[in-house]
Amino acid sequence: MVKIVFILSFMSLWVCAEELDVQEQSVEQNCLHCHKQQQIPSNLIYKRYLMKYSTDKRMEKAIFSYLKHPDKVHSIMPSAFFSKFPMKKSTTVSDSRLHKYIESYLEQFDVKKKLILEK
């Protein structure tokens, strides 16, 4: 019985880990690929969102809103940014998938993971 529980637990962890890996790859292919081509540092964008919105939930809401309806007024980037880079077009990704992409993006660049607390 214990072996069955252990095997099922291991399999569920494996499936979850695989799903997260696929999600990170999707973010890389669908979002960050263009950032890298245009040499826009994604960590800088994350830090700008963090400074303005301060929590993951508020950042997620702001990023979602911006990607659905891009506008210079609601962008976190300075106006000079748009003289060098084109304005983002509205995304055609479904809302549920976009939320997953945003969560994965926020997880990938989360600064809390980079903090080292001494005991």
Protein backbone atom coordinates (compact mmCIF):
# COMPACT_ATOMS: atom_id res chain seq x y z
CA MET A 1 0.00 0.00 0.00
CA VAL A 2 2.81 2.41 0.92
CA LYS A 3 4.57 1.61 -2.35
CA ILE A 4 1.45 2.46 -4.34
CA VAL A 5 1.04 5.79 -2.55
CA PHE A 6 4.71 6.57 -3.06
CA ILE A 7 4.56 5.70 -6.77
CA LEU A 8 1.40 7.74 -7.32
CA SER A 9 2.92 10.69 -5.46
CA PHE A 10 6.08 10.48 -7.52
CA MET A 11 4.12 10.29 -10.77
CA SER A 12 1.98 13.29 -9.86
CA LEU A 13 5.08 15.32 -8.98
CA TRP A 14 6.67 14.30 -12.26
CA VAL A 15 3.59 15.37 -14.25
CA CYS A 16 3.44 18.73 -12.43
CA ALA A 17 7.14 19.36 -13.01
CA GLU A 18 6.78 18.49 -16.68
CA GLU A 19 3.79 20.84 -17.01
CA LEU A 20 5.80 23.70 -15.44
CA ASP A 21 8.70 23.01 -17.80
CA VAL A 22 6.36 23.11 -20.81
CA GLN A 23 4.86 26.34 -19.50
CA GLU A 24 8.33 27.94 -19.13
CA GLN A 25 9.22 26.83 -22.66
CA SER A 26 5.98 28.35 -23.96
CA VAL A 27 6.77 31.66 -22.28
CA GLU A 28 10.27 31.53 -23.76
CA GLN A 29 8.97 30.80 -27.27
CA ASN A 30 5.90 33.03 -27.29
CA CYS A 31 7.00 36.00 -25.20
CA LEU A 32 10.66 36.30 -24.36
CA HIS A 33 11.88 35.29 -27.81
CA CYS A 34 10.93 38.70 -29.25
CA HIS A 35 12.38 40.49 -26.23
CA LYS A 36 15.71 38.78 -26.85
CA GLN A 37 15.65 39.54 -30.59
CA GLN A 38 14.98 43.22 -29.89
CA GLN A 39 17.48 43.17 -27.01
CA ILE A 40 14.92 44.23 -24.42
CA PRO A 41 16.06 42.94 -21.01
CA SER A 42 13.11 41.08 -19.49
CA ASN A 43 14.53 41.38 -15.99
CA LEU A 44 14.46 45.17 -16.38
CA ILE A 45 10.80 45.05 -17.37
CA TYR A 46 10.06 42.80 -14.39
CA LYS A 47 11.82 45.26 -12.05
CA ARG A 48 9.83 48.18 -13.47
CA TYR A 49 6.58 46.31 -12.85
CA LEU A 50 7.74 45.37 -9.36
CA MET A 51 8.63 48.98 -8.49
CA LYS A 52 5.29 50.30 -9.75
CA TYR A 53 2.90 47.54 -8.63
CA SER A 54 4.84 45.85 -5.77
CA THR A 55 2.86 42.57 -5.57
CA ASP A 56 2.54 39.61 -7.91
CA LYS A 57 -1.25 39.94 -8.11
CA ARG A 58 -1.10 43.63 -9.04
CA MET A 59 1.70 42.98 -11.54
CA GLU A 60 -0.24 40.11 -13.10
CA LYS A 61 -3.33 42.29 -13.45
CA ALA A 62 -1.35 45.17 -15.00
CA ILE A 63 0.57 42.94 -17.43
CA PHE A 64 -2.64 41.17 -18.46
CA SER A 65 -4.40 44.48 -19.05
CA TYR A 66 -1.47 45.86 -21.04
CA LEU A 67 -1.12 42.77 -23.24
CA LYS A 68 -4.84 42.77 -24.02
CA HIS A 69 -4.94 46.52 -24.79
CA PRO A 70 -1.42 47.95 -25.31
CA ASP A 71 -1.25 51.70 -24.87
CA LYS A 72 1.66 54.08 -24.28
CA VAL A 73 -0.27 55.77 -21.50
CA HIS A 74 -0.60 52.54 -19.51
CA SER A 75 2.87 51.23 -20.29
CA ILE A 76 5.53 51.12 -17.59
CA MET A 77 8.17 52.02 -20.15
CA PRO A 78 9.18 55.67 -20.68
CA SER A 79 7.91 57.35 -23.86
CA ALA A 80 11.44 57.39 -25.32
CA PHE A 81 11.33 53.59 -25.31
CA PHE A 82 8.71 53.64 -28.07
CA SER A 83 10.90 55.73 -30.38
CA LYS A 84 13.34 52.78 -30.46
CA PHE A 85 10.93 49.84 -30.16
CA PRO A 86 7.53 49.32 -31.79
CA MET A 87 4.32 49.33 -29.78
CA LYS A 88 3.16 45.83 -28.87
CA LYS A 89 0.09 44.58 -30.72
CA SER A 90 -2.85 43.17 -28.78
CA THR A 91 -2.37 39.53 -27.95
CA THR A 92 -4.54 36.84 -29.47
CA VAL A 93 -3.73 34.31 -26.74
CA SER A 94 -6.70 33.06 -24.72
CA ASP A 95 -7.21 34.65 -21.31
CA SER A 96 -6.54 31.43 -19.39
CA ARG A 97 -3.34 30.70 -21.29
CA LEU A 98 -2.21 34.33 -20.96
CA HIS A 99 -2.69 34.17 -17.18
CA LYS A 100 -0.54 31.01 -17.09
CA TYR A 101 2.16 32.69 -19.20
CA ILE A 102 2.17 35.74 -16.94
CA GLU A 103 2.39 33.58 -13.81
CA SER A 104 5.31 31.70 -15.33
CA TYR A 105 7.02 34.97 -16.33
CA LEU A 106 6.63 36.37 -12.81
CA GLU A 107 7.92 33.13 -11.33
CA GLN A 108 10.93 33.11 -13.65
CA PHE A 109 12.06 36.64 -12.77
CA ASP A 110 10.96 36.67 -9.12
CA VAL A 111 13.56 38.60 -7.12
CA LYS A 112 12.63 36.84 -3.88
CA LYS A 113 14.29 33.71 -5.22
CA LYS A 114 17.55 35.61 -5.56
CA LEU A 115 17.60 36.78 -1.94
CA ILE A 116 19.86 34.91 0.40
CA LEU A 117 18.90 35.10 4.02
CA GLU A 118 21.61 34.45 6.56
CA LYS A 119 20.73 32.57 9.72
